PDB file of N, CA and C in Angstrom:
ATOM      1  N   MET A   1      -3.050  42.856 -62.172  1.00  0.00           N
ATOM      2  CA  MET A   1      -3.083  42.336 -63.519  1.00  0.00           C
ATOM      3  C   MET A   1      -1.987  41.294 -63.721  1.00  0.00           C
ATOM      4  N   ARG A   2      -0.797  41.615 -63.203  1.00  0.00           N
ATOM      5  CA  ARG A   2       0.303  40.656 -63.381  1.00  0.00           C
ATOM      6  C   ARG A   2      -0.008  39.318 -62.725  1.00  0.00           C
ATOM      7  N   THR A   3      -0.590  39.359 -61.535  1.00  0.00           N
ATOM      8  CA  THR A   3      -0.905  38.130 -60.807  1.00  0.00           C
ATOM      9  C   THR A   3      -1.908  37.283 -61.578  1.00  0.00           C
ATOM     10  N   GLU A   4      -2.949  37.929 -62.074  1.00  0.00           N
ATOM     11  CA  GLU A   4      -3.977  37.188 -62.808  1.00  0.00           C
ATOM     12  C   GLU A   4      -3.457  36.648 -64.135  1.00  0.00           C
ATOM     13  N   VAL A   5      -2.656  37.433 -64.838  1.00  0.00           N
ATOM     14  CA  VAL A   5      -2.097  36.955 -66.108  1.00  0.00           C
ATOM     15  C   VAL A   5      -1.118  35.816 -65.856  1.00  0.00           C
ATOM     16  N   ALA A   6      -0.368  35.869 -64.755  1.00  0.00           N
ATOM     17  CA  ALA A   6       0.547  34.771 -64.413  1.00  0.00           C
ATOM     18  C   ALA A   6      -0.229  33.470 -64.216  1.00  0.00           C
ATOM     19  N   LYS A   7      -1.389  33.539 -63.566  1.00  0.00           N
ATOM     20  CA  LYS A   7      -2.228  32.349 -63.394  1.00  0.00           C
ATOM     21  C   LYS A   7      -2.700  31.823 -64.749  1.00  0.00           C
ATOM     22  N   LEU A   8      -3.174  32.736 -65.595  1.00  0.00           N
ATOM     23  CA  LEU A   8      -3.623  32.330 -66.927  1.00  0.00           C
ATOM     24  C   LEU A   8      -2.472  31.759 -67.746  1.00  0.00           C
ATOM     25  N   ALA A   9      -1.294  32.388 -67.651  1.00  0.00           N
ATOM     26  CA  ALA A   9      -0.131  31.941 -68.421  1.00  0.00           C
ATOM     27  C   ALA A   9       0.279  30.530 -68.034  1.00  0.00           C
ATOM     28  N   ALA A  10       0.211  30.216 -66.736  1.00  0.00           N
ATOM     29  CA  ALA A  10       0.567  28.870 -66.281  1.00  0.00           C
ATOM     30  C   ALA A  10      -0.378  27.840 -66.893  1.00  0.00           C
ATOM     31  N   ASP A  11      -1.656  28.169 -66.922  1.00  0.00           N
ATOM     32  CA  ASP A  11      -2.648  27.263 -67.492  1.00  0.00           C
ATOM     33  C   ASP A  11      -2.426  27.089 -68.999  1.00  0.00           C
ATOM     34  N   TRP A  12      -2.197  28.198 -69.713  1.00  0.00           N
ATOM     35  CA  TRP A  12      -1.989  28.123 -71.155  1.00  0.00           C
ATOM     36  C   TRP A  12      -0.666  27.442 -71.494  1.00  0.00           C
ATOM     37  N   SER A  13       0.325  27.592 -70.633  1.00  0.00           N
ATOM     38  CA  SER A  13       1.618  26.965 -70.865  1.00  0.00           C
ATOM     39  C   SER A  13       1.489  25.444 -70.882  1.00  0.00           C
ATOM     40  N   ARG A  14       0.656  24.909 -70.003  1.00  0.00           N
ATOM     41  CA  ARG A  14       0.424  23.453 -69.987  1.00  0.00           C
ATOM     42  C   ARG A  14      -0.197  22.972 -71.298  1.00  0.00           C
ATOM     43  N   ARG A  15      -0.847  23.888 -72.003  1.00  0.00           N
ATOM     44  CA  ARG A  15      -1.468  23.553 -73.298  1.00  0.00           C
ATOM     45  C   ARG A  15      -0.548  23.854 -74.477  1.00  0.00           C
ATOM     46  N   GLY A  16       0.669  24.326 -74.173  1.00  0.00           N
ATOM     47  CA  GLY A  16       1.642  24.578 -75.230  1.00  0.00           C
ATOM     48  C   GLY A  16       1.618  25.982 -75.805  1.00  0.00           C
ATOM     49  N   HIS A  17       1.017  26.931 -75.096  1.00  0.00           N
ATOM     50  CA  HIS A  17       0.933  28.307 -75.589  1.00  0.00           C
ATOM     51  C   HIS A  17       1.644  29.263 -74.643  1.00  0.00           C
ATOM     52  N   ASP A  18       2.252  30.300 -75.201  1.00  0.00           N
ATOM     53  CA  ASP A  18       2.857  31.362 -74.401  1.00  0.00           C
ATOM     54  C   ASP A  18       1.857  32.504 -74.281  1.00  0.00           C
ATOM     55  N   LEU A  19       1.696  33.003 -73.071  1.00  0.00           N
ATOM     56  CA  LEU A  19       0.793  34.129 -72.824  1.00  0.00           C
ATOM     57  C   LEU A  19       1.526  35.143 -71.961  1.00  0.00           C
ATOM     58  N   ALA A  20       1.538  36.387 -72.398  1.00  0.00           N
ATOM     59  CA  ALA A  20       2.183  37.457 -71.640  1.00  0.00           C
ATOM     60  C   ALA A  20       1.552  38.776 -72.051  1.00  0.00           C
ATOM     61  N   PHE A  21       1.832  39.814 -71.284  1.00  0.00           N
ATOM     62  CA  PHE A  21       1.343  41.134 -71.643  1.00  0.00           C
ATOM     63  C   PHE A  21       2.334  42.200 -71.195  1.00  0.00           C
ATOM     64  N   GLY A  22       2.269  43.317 -71.860  1.00  0.00           N
ATOM     65  CA  GLY A  22       3.028  44.502 -71.475  1.00  0.00           C
ATOM     66  C   GLY A  22       2.086  45.682 -71.579  1.00  0.00           C
ATOM     67  N   VAL A  23       2.277  46.679 -70.713  1.00  0.00           N
ATOM     68  CA  VAL A  23       1.366  47.813 -70.652  1.00  0.00           C
ATOM     69  C   VAL A  23       2.156  49.109 -70.787  1.00  0.00           C
ATOM     70  N   GLY A  24       1.581  50.073 -71.479  1.00  0.00           N
ATOM     71  CA  GLY A  24       2.128  51.419 -71.565  1.00  0.00           C
ATOM     72  C   GLY A  24       1.067  52.409 -71.120  1.00  0.00           C
ATOM     73  N   VAL A  25       1.439  53.326 -70.216  1.00  0.00           N
ATOM     74  CA  VAL A  25       0.472  54.291 -69.689  1.00  0.00           C
ATOM     75  C   VAL A  25       1.046  55.699 -69.820  1.00  0.00           C
ATOM     76  N   ALA A  26       0.241  56.601 -70.388  1.00  0.00           N
ATOM     77  CA  ALA A  26       0.611  58.011 -70.505  1.00  0.00           C
ATOM     78  C   ALA A  26      -0.588  58.845 -70.070  1.00  0.00           C
ATOM     79  N   ASN A  27      -0.314  60.103 -69.737  1.00  0.00           N
ATOM     80  CA  ASN A  27      -1.357  61.003 -69.259  1.00  0.00           C
ATOM     81  C   ASN A  27      -1.260  62.308 -70.028  1.00  0.00           C
ATOM     82  N   GLY A  28      -2.402  62.818 -70.479  1.00  0.00           N
ATOM     83  CA  GLY A  28      -2.408  64.083 -71.204  1.00  0.00           C
ATOM     84  C   GLY A  28      -3.728  64.283 -71.909  1.00  0.00           C
ATOM     85  N   PHE A  29      -3.750  65.243 -72.785  1.00  0.00           N
ATOM     86  CA  PHE A  29      -4.968  65.588 -73.513  1.00  0.00           C
ATOM     87  C   PHE A  29      -5.050  64.799 -74.814  1.00  0.00           C
ATOM     88  N   ALA A  30      -6.261  64.386 -75.141  1.00  0.00           N
ATOM     89  CA  ALA A  30      -6.520  63.678 -76.388  1.00  0.00           C
ATOM     90  C   ALA A  30      -7.841  64.191 -76.951  1.00  0.00           C
ATOM     91  N   THR A  31      -8.028  63.990 -78.224  1.00  0.00           N
ATOM     92  CA  THR A  31      -9.296  64.305 -78.867  1.00  0.00           C
ATOM     93  C   THR A  31     -10.108  63.026 -78.910  1.00  0.00           C
ATOM     94  N   LEU A  32     -11.296  63.076 -78.344  1.00  0.00           N
ATOM     95  CA  LEU A  32     -12.176  61.916 -78.269  1.00  0.00           C
ATOM     96  C   LEU A  32     -13.402  62.140 -79.128  1.00  0.00           C
ATOM     97  N   GLY A  33     -13.894  61.073 -79.725  1.00  0.00           N
ATOM     98  CA  GLY A  33     -15.125  61.214 -80.484  1.00  0.00           C
ATOM     99  C   GLY A  33     -15.363  60.069 -81.424  1.00  0.00           C
ATOM    100  N   THR A  34     -16.410  60.237 -82.171  1.00  0.00           N
ATOM    101  CA  THR A  34     -16.810  59.239 -83.150  1.00  0.00           C
ATOM    102  C   THR A  34     -15.983  59.432 -84.412  1.00  0.00           C
ATOM    103  N   ILE A  35     -15.428  58.333 -84.880  1.00  0.00           N
ATOM    104  CA  ILE A  35     -14.596  58.346 -86.080  1.00  0.00           C
ATOM    105  C   ILE A  35     -15.203  57.367 -87.069  1.00  0.00           C
ATOM    106  N   GLY A  36     -15.279  57.748 -88.328  1.00  0.00           N
ATOM    107  CA  GLY A  36     -15.773  56.814 -89.323  1.00  0.00           C
ATOM    108  C   GLY A  36     -16.666  57.483 -90.346  1.00  0.00           C
ATOM    109  N   PHE A  37     -17.560  56.695 -90.883  1.00  0.00           N
ATOM    110  CA  PHE A  37     -18.451  57.159 -91.938  1.00  0.00           C
ATOM    111  C   PHE A  37     -19.767  56.418 -91.787  1.00  0.00           C
ATOM    112  N   GLU A  38     -20.731  56.787 -92.595  1.00  0.00           N
ATOM    113  CA  GLU A  38     -22.049  56.164 -92.504  1.00  0.00           C
ATOM    114  C   GLU A  38     -21.931  54.650 -92.681  1.00  0.00           C
ATOM    115  N   GLY A  39     -22.489  53.917 -91.750  1.00  0.00           N
ATOM    116  CA  GLY A  39     -22.437  52.464 -91.801  1.00  0.00           C
ATOM    117  C   GLY A  39     -21.265  51.870 -91.035  1.00  0.00           C
ATOM    118  N   ARG A  40     -20.313  52.690 -90.671  1.00  0.00           N
ATOM    119  CA  ARG A  40     -19.153  52.191 -89.918  1.00  0.00           C
ATOM    120  C   ARG A  40     -18.620  53.309 -89.026  1.00  0.00           C
ATOM    121  N   ARG A  41     -18.948  53.229 -87.763  1.00  0.00           N
ATOM    122  CA  ARG A  41     -18.501  54.246 -86.820  1.00  0.00           C
ATOM    123  C   ARG A  41     -17.870  53.578 -85.606  1.00  0.00           C
ATOM    124  N   ASP A  42     -16.811  54.202 -85.121  1.00  0.00           N
ATOM    125  CA  ASP A  42     -16.131  53.758 -83.912  1.00  0.00           C
ATOM    126  C   ASP A  42     -15.896  54.971 -83.037  1.00  0.00           C
ATOM    127  N   TYR A  43     -15.740  54.715 -81.753  1.00  0.00           N
ATOM    128  CA  TYR A  43     -15.379  55.769 -80.825  1.00  0.00           C
ATOM    129  C   TYR A  43     -13.882  55.651 -80.603  1.00  0.00           C
ATOM    130  N   GLY A  44     -13.190  56.749 -80.680  1.00  0.00           N
ATOM    131  CA  GLY A  44     -11.747  56.662 -80.551  1.00  0.00           C
ATOM    132  C   GLY A  44     -11.129  57.866 -79.894  1.00  0.00           C
ATOM    133  N   ALA A  45      -9.839  57.742 -79.619  1.00  0.00           N
ATOM    134  CA  ALA A  45      -9.031  58.816 -79.054  1.00  0.00           C
ATOM    135  C   ALA A  45      -7.812  58.988 -79.942  1.00  0.00           C
ATOM    136  N   ILE A  46      -7.473  60.237 -80.232  1.00  0.00           N
ATOM    137  CA  ILE A  46      -6.292  60.519 -81.041  1.00  0.00           C
ATOM    138  C   ILE A  46      -5.499  61.640 -80.379  1.00  0.00           C
ATOM    139  N   GLY A  47      -4.226  61.665 -80.645  1.00  0.00           N
ATOM    140  CA  GLY A  47      -3.369  62.721 -80.122  1.00  0.00           C
ATOM    141  C   GLY A  47      -2.043  62.175 -79.658  1.00  0.00           C
ATOM    142  N   PRO A  48      -1.104  63.048 -79.369  1.00  0.00           N
ATOM    143  CA  PRO A  48       0.237  62.619 -78.954  1.00  0.00           C
ATOM    144  C   PRO A  48       0.245  61.708 -77.729  1.00  0.00           C
ATOM    145  N   VAL A  49      -0.651  61.935 -76.775  1.00  0.00           N
ATOM    146  CA  VAL A  49      -0.665  61.092 -75.571  1.00  0.00           C
ATOM    147  C   VAL A  49      -1.044  59.651 -75.930  1.00  0.00           C
ATOM    148  N   CYS A  50      -1.920  59.474 -76.887  1.00  0.00           N
ATOM    149  CA  CYS A  50      -2.292  58.120 -77.333  1.00  0.00           C
ATOM    150  C   CYS A  50      -1.097  57.445 -77.996  1.00  0.00           C
ATOM    151  N   ASN A  51      -0.384  58.219 -78.806  1.00  0.00           N
ATOM    152  CA  ASN A  51       0.809  57.681 -79.465  1.00  0.00           C
ATOM    153  C   ASN A  51       1.873  57.305 -78.436  1.00  0.00           C
ATOM    154  N   LEU A  52       2.041  58.147 -77.415  1.00  0.00           N
ATOM    155  CA  LEU A  52       3.029  57.856 -76.373  1.00  0.00           C
ATOM    156  C   LEU A  52       2.686  56.566 -75.637  1.00  0.00           C
ATOM    157  N   ALA A  53       1.429  56.412 -75.257  1.00  0.00           N
ATOM    158  CA  ALA A  53       1.008  55.189 -74.566  1.00  0.00           C
ATOM    159  C   ALA A  53       1.240  53.959 -75.452  1.00  0.00           C
ATOM    160  N   ALA A  54       0.929  54.077 -76.724  1.00  0.00           N
ATOM    161  CA  ALA A  54       1.123  52.957 -77.651  1.00  0.00           C
ATOM    162  C   ALA A  54       2.603  52.615 -77.804  1.00  0.00           C
ATOM    163  N   ARG A  55       3.459  53.631 -77.883  1.00  0.00           N
ATOM    164  CA  ARG A  55       4.902  53.378 -78.025  1.00  0.00           C
ATOM    165  C   ARG A  55       5.485  52.772 -76.754  1.00  0.00           C
ATOM    166  N   LEU A  56       5.024  53.237 -75.585  1.00  0.00           N
ATOM    167  CA  LEU A  56       5.478  52.626 -74.330  1.00  0.00           C
ATOM    168  C   LEU A  56       5.034  51.170 -74.265  1.00  0.00           C
ATOM    169  N   CYS A  57       3.824  50.905 -74.704  1.00  0.00           N
ATOM    170  CA  CYS A  57       3.314  49.533 -74.728  1.00  0.00           C
ATOM    171  C   CYS A  57       4.182  48.659 -75.641  1.00  0.00           C
ATOM    172  N   SER A  58       4.579  49.207 -76.769  1.00  0.00           N
ATOM    173  CA  SER A  58       5.435  48.455 -77.699  1.00  0.00           C
ATOM    174  C   SER A  58       6.798  48.138 -77.095  1.00  0.00           C
ATOM    175  N   GLU A  59       7.292  49.021 -76.239  1.00  0.00           N
ATOM    176  CA  GLU A  59       8.594  48.824 -75.589  1.00  0.00           C
ATOM    177  C   GLU A  59       8.525  47.857 -74.407  1.00  0.00           C
ATOM    178  N   ALA A  60       7.338  47.713 -73.827  1.00  0.00           N
ATOM    179  CA  ALA A  60       7.184  46.886 -72.624  1.00  0.00           C
ATOM    180  C   ALA A  60       7.426  45.417 -72.944  1.00  0.00           C
ATOM    181  N   ARG A  61       8.238  44.790 -72.102  1.00  0.00           N
ATOM    182  CA  ARG A  61       8.446  43.350 -72.213  1.00  0.00           C
ATOM    183  C   ARG A  61       7.341  42.645 -71.433  1.00  0.00           C
ATOM    184  N   ALA A  62       7.342  41.344 -71.493  1.00  0.00           N
ATOM    185  CA  ALA A  62       6.314  40.552 -70.808  1.00  0.00           C
ATOM    186  C   ALA A  62       6.252  40.913 -69.325  1.00  0.00           C
ATOM    187  N   GLY A  63       5.090  41.297 -68.862  1.00  0.00           N
ATOM    188  CA  GLY A  63       4.873  41.608 -67.461  1.00  0.00           C
ATOM    189  C   GLY A  63       5.248  43.020 -67.037  1.00  0.00           C
ATOM    190  N   GLN A  64       5.794  43.819 -67.948  1.00  0.00           N
ATOM    191  CA  GLN A  64       6.185  45.179 -67.594  1.00  0.00           C
ATOM    192  C   GLN A  64       5.013  46.147 -67.715  1.00  0.00           C
ATOM    193  N   ILE A  65       5.020  47.140 -66.829  1.00  0.00           N
ATOM    194  CA  ILE A  65       4.090  48.257 -66.908  1.00  0.00           C
ATOM    195  C   ILE A  65       4.956  49.508 -66.999  1.00  0.00           C
ATOM    196  N   LEU A  66       5.030  50.085 -68.190  1.00  0.00           N
ATOM    197  CA  LEU A  66       5.846  51.264 -68.413  1.00  0.00           C
ATOM    198  C   LEU A  66       4.963  52.505 -68.352  1.00  0.00           C
ATOM    199  N   VAL A  67       5.425  53.517 -67.623  1.00  0.00           N
ATOM    200  CA  VAL A  67       4.672  54.757 -67.501  1.00  0.00           C
ATOM    201  C   VAL A  67       5.563  55.937 -67.876  1.00  0.00           C
ATOM    202  N   SER A  68       4.924  56.988 -68.351  1.00  0.00           N
ATOM    203  CA  SER A  68       5.640  58.209 -68.695  1.00  0.00           C
ATOM    204  C   SER A  68       6.041  58.955 -67.430  1.00  0.00           C
ATOM    205  N   LYS A  69       6.899  59.942 -67.584  1.00  0.00           N
ATOM    206  CA  LYS A  69       7.347  60.746 -66.451  1.00  0.00           C
ATOM    207  C   LYS A  69       6.157  61.440 -65.780  1.00  0.00           C
ATOM    208  N   ARG A  70       5.225  61.956 -66.555  1.00  0.00           N
ATOM    209  CA  ARG A  70       4.054  62.635 -66.001  1.00  0.00           C
ATOM    210  C   ARG A  70       3.212  61.683 -65.158  1.00  0.00           C
ATOM    211  N   VAL A  71       2.997  60.472 -65.642  1.00  0.00           N
ATOM    212  CA  VAL A  71       2.224  59.484 -64.869  1.00  0.00           C
ATOM    213  C   VAL A  71       2.982  59.128 -63.594  1.00  0.00           C
ATOM    214  N   HIS A  72       4.271  58.905 -63.720  1.00  0.00           N
ATOM    215  CA  HIS A  72       5.068  58.557 -62.540  1.00  0.00           C
ATOM    216  C   HIS A  72       4.957  59.635 -61.472  1.00  0.00           C
ATOM    217  N   GLY A  73       5.009  60.890 -61.869  1.00  0.00           N
ATOM    218  CA  GLY A  73       4.883  61.983 -60.920  1.00  0.00           C
ATOM    219  C   GLY A  73       3.558  61.976 -60.165  1.00  0.00           C
ATOM    220  N   ARG A  74       2.519  61.467 -60.798  1.00  0.00           N
ATOM    221  CA  ARG A  74       1.196  61.427 -60.165  1.00  0.00           C
ATOM    222  C   ARG A  74       0.984  60.200 -59.281  1.00  0.00           C
ATOM    223  N   ILE A  75       1.742  59.129 -59.513  1.00  0.00           N
ATOM    224  CA  ILE A  75       1.494  57.879 -58.783  1.00  0.00           C
ATOM    225  C   ILE A  75       2.664  57.424 -57.917  1.00  0.00           C
ATOM    226  N   GLU A  76       3.764  58.173 -57.910  1.00  0.00           N
ATOM    227  CA  GLU A  76       4.974  57.691 -57.251  1.00  0.00           C
ATOM    228  C   GLU A  76       4.799  57.418 -55.763  1.00  0.00           C
ATOM    229  N   GLN A  77       3.856  58.062 -55.094  1.00  0.00           N
ATOM    230  CA  GLN A  77       3.642  57.798 -53.671  1.00  0.00           C
ATOM    231  C   GLN A  77       2.921  56.465 -53.446  1.00  0.00           C
ATOM    232  N   HIS A  78       2.394  55.864 -54.507  1.00  0.00           N
ATOM    233  CA  HIS A  78       1.634  54.624 -54.387  1.00  0.00           C
ATOM    234  C   HIS A  78       2.334  53.394 -54.966  1.00  0.00           C
ATOM    235  N   VAL A  79       3.364  53.620 -55.790  1.00  0.00           N
ATOM    236  CA  VAL A  79       3.990  52.500 -56.492  1.00  0.00           C
ATOM    237  C   VAL A  79       5.497  52.471 -56.292  1.00  0.00           C
ATOM    238  N   VAL A  80       6.052  51.299 -56.512  1.00  0.00           N
ATOM    239  CA  VAL A  80       7.500  51.132 -56.584  1.00  0.00           C
ATOM    240  C   VAL A  80       7.832  51.097 -58.072  1.00  0.00           C
ATOM    241  N   ALA A  81       8.735  51.964 -58.498  1.00  0.00           N
ATOM    242  CA  ALA A  81       9.074  52.035 -59.918  1.00  0.00           C
ATOM    243  C   ALA A  81      10.562  52.280 -60.075  1.00  0.00           C
ATOM    244  N   GLU A  82      11.093  51.733 -61.140  1.00  0.00           N
ATOM    245  CA  GLU A  82      12.507  51.942 -61.440  1.00  0.00           C
ATOM    246  C   GLU A  82      12.625  52.767 -62.715  1.00  0.00           C
ATOM    247  N   PRO A  83      13.504  53.764 -62.707  1.00  0.00           N
ATOM    248  CA  PRO A  83      13.672  54.570 -63.927  1.00  0.00           C
ATOM    249  C   PRO A  83      14.343  53.742 -65.021  1.00  0.00           C
ATOM    250  N   LEU A  84      13.847  53.888 -66.220  1.00  0.00           N
ATOM    251  CA  LEU A  84      14.431  53.191 -67.368  1.00  0.00           C
ATOM    252  C   LEU A  84      15.344  54.109 -68.163  1.00  0.00           C
ATOM    253  N   GLY A  85      15.428  55.361 -67.749  1.00  0.00           N
ATOM    254  CA  GLY A  85      16.194  56.327 -68.523  1.00  0.00           C
ATOM    255  C   GLY A  85      15.339  56.870 -69.647  1.00  0.00           C
ATOM    256  N   GLU A  86      15.994  57.384 -70.646  1.00  0.00           N
ATOM    257  CA  GLU A  86      15.274  57.973 -71.765  1.00  0.00           C
ATOM    258  C   GLU A  86      15.211  56.987 -72.920  1.00  0.00           C
ATOM    259  N   LEU A  87      14.020  56.824 -73.450  1.00  0.00           N
ATOM    260  CA  LEU A  87      13.788  55.908 -74.560  1.00  0.00           C
ATOM    261  C   LEU A  87      13.630  56.694 -75.856  1.00  0.00           C
ATOM    262  N   ALA A  88      14.227  56.201 -76.919  1.00  0.00           N
ATOM    263  CA  ALA A  88      14.021  56.771 -78.248  1.00  0.00           C
ATOM    264  C   ALA A  88      12.807  56.074 -78.845  1.00  0.00           C
ATOM    265  N   LEU A  89      11.702  56.792 -78.915  1.00  0.00           N
ATOM    266  CA  LEU A  89      10.454  56.204 -79.391  1.00  0.00           C
ATOM    267  C   LEU A  89      10.101  56.735 -80.778  1.00  0.00           C
ATOM    268  N   LYS A  90       9.628  55.860 -81.616  1.00  0.00           N
ATOM    269  CA  LYS A  90       9.229  56.222 -82.974  1.00  0.00           C
ATOM    270  C   LYS A  90       8.175  57.331 -82.927  1.00  0.00           C
ATOM    271  N   GLY A  91       8.372  58.354 -83.752  1.00  0.00           N
ATOM    272  CA  GLY A  91       7.410  59.439 -83.842  1.00  0.00           C
ATOM    273  C   GLY A  91       7.640  60.578 -82.862  1.00  0.00           C
ATOM    274  N   PHE A  92       8.650  60.454 -81.993  1.00  0.00           N
ATOM    275  CA  PHE A  92       8.960  61.497 -81.022  1.00  0.00           C
ATOM    276  C   PHE A  92      10.362  62.042 -81.307  1.00  0.00           C
ATOM    277  N   HIS A  93      10.464  63.352 -81.447  1.00  0.00           N
ATOM    278  CA  HIS A  93      11.742  63.978 -81.780  1.00  0.00           C
ATOM    279  C   HIS A  93      12.722  63.929 -80.613  1.00  0.00           C
ATOM    280  N   ARG A  94      12.197  63.976 -79.399  1.00  0.00           N
ATOM    281  CA  ARG A  94      13.046  63.914 -78.202  1.00  0.00           C
ATOM    282  C   ARG A  94      12.873  62.566 -77.525  1.00  0.00           C
ATOM    283  N   ASN A  95      13.903  62.133 -76.834  1.00  0.00           N
ATOM    284  CA  ASN A  95      13.798  60.911 -76.049  1.00  0.00           C
ATOM    285  C   ASN A  95      12.796  61.127 -74.924  1.00  0.00           C
ATOM    286  N   VAL A  96      12.134  60.049 -74.500  1.00  0.00           N
ATOM    287  CA  VAL A  96      11.083  60.110 -73.493  1.00  0.00           C
ATOM    288  C   VAL A  96      11.547  59.375 -72.241  1.00  0.00           C
ATOM    289  N   GLN A  97      11.453  60.047 -71.095  1.00  0.00           N
ATOM    290  CA  GLN A  97      11.805  59.409 -69.834  1.00  0.00           C
ATOM    291  C   GLN A  97      10.675  58.470 -69.426  1.00  0.00           C
ATOM    292  N   ALA A  98      11.033  57.239 -69.060  1.00  0.00           N
ATOM    293  CA  ALA A  98      10.027  56.235 -68.708  1.00  0.00           C
ATOM    294  C   ALA A  98      10.416  55.515 -67.425  1.00  0.00           C
ATOM    295  N   PHE A  99       9.419  54.932 -66.784  1.00  0.00           N
ATOM    296  CA  PHE A  99       9.599  54.206 -65.544  1.00  0.00           C
ATOM    297  C   PHE A  99       8.900  52.854 -65.649  1.00  0.00           C
ATOM    298  N   ASN A 100       9.500  51.846 -65.031  1.00  0.00           N
ATOM    299  CA  ASN A 100       8.917  50.508 -64.981  1.00  0.00           C
ATOM    300  C   ASN A 100       8.290  50.323 -63.587  1.00  0.00           C
ATOM    301  N   VAL A 101       6.978  50.182 -63.536  1.00  0.00           N
ATOM    302  CA  VAL A 101       6.285  49.975 -62.257  1.00  0.00           C
ATOM    303  C   VAL A 101       6.467  48.512 -61.874  1.00  0.00           C
ATOM    304  N   THR A 102       7.090  48.282 -60.715  1.00  0.00           N
ATOM    305  CA  THR A 102       7.377  46.911 -60.282  1.00  0.00           C
ATOM    306  C   THR A 102       6.453  46.415 -59.188  1.00  0.00           C
ATOM    307  N   GLY A 103       5.695  47.321 -58.571  1.00  0.00           N
ATOM    308  CA  GLY A 103       4.772  46.888 -57.526  1.00  0.00           C
ATOM    309  C   GLY A 103       4.097  48.054 -56.842  1.00  0.00           C
ATOM    310  N   LEU A 104       3.306  47.717 -55.840  1.00  0.00           N
ATOM    311  CA  LEU A 104       2.608  48.724 -55.045  1.00  0.00           C
ATOM    312  C   LEU A 104       3.327  48.901 -53.715  1.00  0.00           C
ATOM    313  N   LYS A 105       3.337  50.126 -53.210  1.00  0.00           N
ATOM    314  CA  LYS A 105       3.894  50.388 -51.885  1.00  0.00           C
ATOM    315  C   LYS A 105       2.893  49.970 -50.850  1.00  0.00           C
ATOM    316  N   PRO A 106       3.360  49.529 -49.679  1.00  0.00           N
ATOM    317  CA  PRO A 106       2.423  49.157 -48.609  1.00  0.00           C
ATOM    318  C   PRO A 106       1.582  50.367 -48.203  1.00  0.00           C
ATOM    319  N   ALA A 107       0.325  50.106 -47.871  1.00  0.00           N
ATOM    320  CA  ALA A 107      -0.598  51.187 -47.494  1.00  0.00           C
ATOM    321  C   ALA A 107      -0.244  51.801 -46.172  1.00  0.00           C
TER     322      ALA A 107
END
């Protein structure tokens, strides 16, 4: 994703626009289903894991992929990641340990 966005960003930069992205990834249980009312329905996910992913995304700077401790534990054999320490995230009573994924490990 970073490679492709970098290509797009270079093209948009020549046109005078800044383009960047940040990603937040969390793993856990969520409630999934149709939300809305007659005439307006959407499919959505709600729950603490969704909030965590959204807060990590908000903390991510351009090009960063931030993952929760649980996600890091599941992918650490495949990725290079640096610990960011504990983040104070809105809506969470305790600080959350997060990791910045910087690349993939060689196969």
